[in-house]
Amino acid sequence: MGKKVRSAKGVVLDFDLLRLKEKIASAPKTVEVKAREDFIDKKLRRRLKKKTPVQKIVKAEPVEETPEEPTTEE
């Protein structure tokens, strides 16, 4: 079968298998795969729009209260 070599770490590498995987990965995507990816992307974009934006919490500065003048009502 394929040429198998043991790496310095002791992992067995099959160069023929790696070459086949590289060809599969570089092959163009089929129509079905592309449609599925588009569907997932649209679904994720829709969720991001629904998410409420993060609001900053701003501390209010203390307001100086002025003493009110007493009013006399008769």
C-alpha atoms as a PDB file:
ATOM      1  CA  MET A   1       0.000   0.000   0.000  1.00  0.00           C
ATOM      2  CA  GLY A   2       1.354   3.364   1.002  1.00  0.00           C
ATOM      3  CA  LYS A   3       4.821   4.217   2.165  1.00  0.00           C
ATOM      4  CA  LYS A   4       4.683   4.424   5.953  1.00  0.00           C
ATOM      5  CA  VAL A   5       7.411   6.156   7.904  1.00  0.00           C
ATOM      6  CA  ARG A   6       7.836   6.689  11.619  1.00  0.00           C
ATOM      7  CA  SER A   7       8.505  10.329  12.593  1.00  0.00           C
ATOM      8  CA  ALA A   8      10.934  11.536  15.262  1.00  0.00           C
ATOM      9  CA  LYS A   9       8.040  11.647  17.754  1.00  0.00           C
ATOM     10  CA  GLY A  10       7.127   8.054  16.941  1.00  0.00           C
ATOM     11  CA  VAL A  11       4.005   8.844  14.925  1.00  0.00           C
ATOM     12  CA  VAL A  12       3.425   6.694  11.839  1.00  0.00           C
ATOM     13  CA  LEU A  13       2.995   8.811   8.682  1.00  0.00           C
ATOM     14  CA  ASP A  14       1.530   7.498   5.443  1.00  0.00           C
ATOM     15  CA  PHE A  15       2.614   9.857   2.662  1.00  0.00           C
ATOM     16  CA  ASP A  16       0.240   8.372   0.084  1.00  0.00           C
ATOM     17  CA  LEU A  17      -2.704   8.917   2.419  1.00  0.00           C
ATOM     18  CA  LEU A  18      -1.580  12.507   3.096  1.00  0.00           C
ATOM     19  CA  ARG A  19      -1.359  13.140  -0.673  1.00  0.00           C
ATOM     20  CA  LEU A  20      -4.903  11.794  -1.175  1.00  0.00           C
ATOM     21  CA  LYS A  21      -6.276  13.952   1.656  1.00  0.00           C
ATOM     22  CA  GLU A  22      -4.598  17.007   0.121  1.00  0.00           C
ATOM     23  CA  LYS A  23      -6.268  16.320  -3.251  1.00  0.00           C
ATOM     24  CA  ILE A  24      -9.679  15.907  -1.615  1.00  0.00           C
ATOM     25  CA  ALA A  25      -9.272  19.149   0.346  1.00  0.00           C
ATOM     26  CA  SER A  26      -8.241  21.122  -2.740  1.00  0.00           C
ATOM     27  CA  ALA A  27     -11.110  19.778  -4.879  1.00  0.00           C
ATOM     28  CA  PRO A  28     -13.919  22.259  -5.651  1.00  0.00           C
ATOM     29  CA  LYS A  29     -17.013  22.050  -3.452  1.00  0.00           C
ATOM     30  CA  THR A  30     -20.148  20.478  -4.850  1.00  0.00           C
ATOM     31  CA  VAL A  31     -23.383  22.414  -5.246  1.00  0.00           C
ATOM     32  CA  GLU A  32     -24.934  20.627  -2.263  1.00  0.00           C
ATOM     33  CA  VAL A  33     -22.023  21.438   0.026  1.00  0.00           C
ATOM     34  CA  LYS A  34     -21.978  25.085  -1.060  1.00  0.00           C
ATOM     35  CA  ALA A  35     -25.749  25.388  -0.490  1.00  0.00           C
ATOM     36  CA  ARG A  36     -25.434  23.867   2.977  1.00  0.00           C
ATOM     37  CA  GLU A  37     -22.598  26.276   3.891  1.00  0.00           C
ATOM     38  CA  ASP A  38     -24.648  29.252   2.657  1.00  0.00           C
ATOM     39  CA  PHE A  39     -27.645  28.100   4.703  1.00  0.00           C
ATOM     40  CA  ILE A  40     -25.532  27.837   7.853  1.00  0.00           C
ATOM     41  CA  ASP A  41     -23.926  31.241   7.230  1.00  0.00           C
ATOM     42  CA  LYS A  42     -27.325  32.910   6.754  1.00  0.00           C
ATOM     43  CA  LYS A  43     -28.615  31.253   9.906  1.00  0.00           C
ATOM     44  CA  LEU A  44     -25.662  32.546  11.914  1.00  0.00           C
ATOM     45  CA  ARG A  45     -25.977  36.063  10.465  1.00  0.00           C
ATOM     46  CA  ARG A  46     -29.648  36.155  11.418  1.00  0.00           C
ATOM     47  CA  ARG A  47     -28.790  35.268  15.017  1.00  0.00           C
ATOM     48  CA  LEU A  48     -26.206  38.009  15.211  1.00  0.00           C
ATOM     49  CA  LYS A  49     -28.788  40.598  14.142  1.00  0.00           C
ATOM     50  CA  LYS A  50     -31.225  39.466  16.832  1.00  0.00           C
ATOM     51  CA  LYS A  51     -28.617  39.734  19.553  1.00  0.00           C
ATOM     52  CA  THR A  52     -28.976  42.956  21.524  1.00  0.00           C
ATOM     53  CA  PRO A  53     -25.929  45.196  21.547  1.00  0.00           C
ATOM     54  CA  VAL A  54     -24.002  45.603  24.768  1.00  0.00           C
ATOM     55  CA  GLN A  55     -24.830  48.885  26.454  1.00  0.00           C
ATOM     56  CA  LYS A  56     -22.315  50.849  28.466  1.00  0.00           C
ATOM     57  CA  ILE A  57     -23.253  51.633  32.025  1.00  0.00           C
ATOM     58  CA  VAL A  58     -22.592  55.280  32.765  1.00  0.00           C
ATOM     59  CA  LYS A  59     -22.496  56.406  36.348  1.00  0.00           C
ATOM     60  CA  ALA A  60     -24.514  59.519  36.993  1.00  0.00           C
ATOM     61  CA  GLU A  61     -22.675  62.373  38.605  1.00  0.00           C
ATOM     62  CA  PRO A  62     -24.107  63.500  41.931  1.00  0.00           C
ATOM     63  CA  VAL A  63     -26.354  66.519  41.535  1.00  0.00           C
ATOM     64  CA  GLU A  64     -26.004  69.278  44.057  1.00  0.00           C
ATOM     65  CA  GLU A  65     -29.295  69.893  45.741  1.00  0.00           C
ATOM     66  CA  THR A  66     -30.207  73.473  46.476  1.00  0.00           C
ATOM     67  CA  PRO A  67     -32.155  74.054  49.642  1.00  0.00           C
ATOM     68  CA  GLU A  68     -35.711  74.985  48.851  1.00  0.00           C
ATOM     69  CA  GLU A  69     -37.115  78.122  50.366  1.00  0.00           C
ATOM     70  CA  PRO A  70     -40.019  77.487  52.669  1.00  0.00           C
ATOM     71  CA  THR A  71     -43.252  78.674  51.221  1.00  0.00           C
ATOM     72  CA  THR A  72     -46.095  79.824  53.344  1.00  0.00           C
ATOM     73  CA  GLU A  73     -49.482  79.067  52.032  1.00  0.00           C
ATOM     74  CA  GLU A  74     -52.541  80.447  53.713  1.00  0.00           C
END
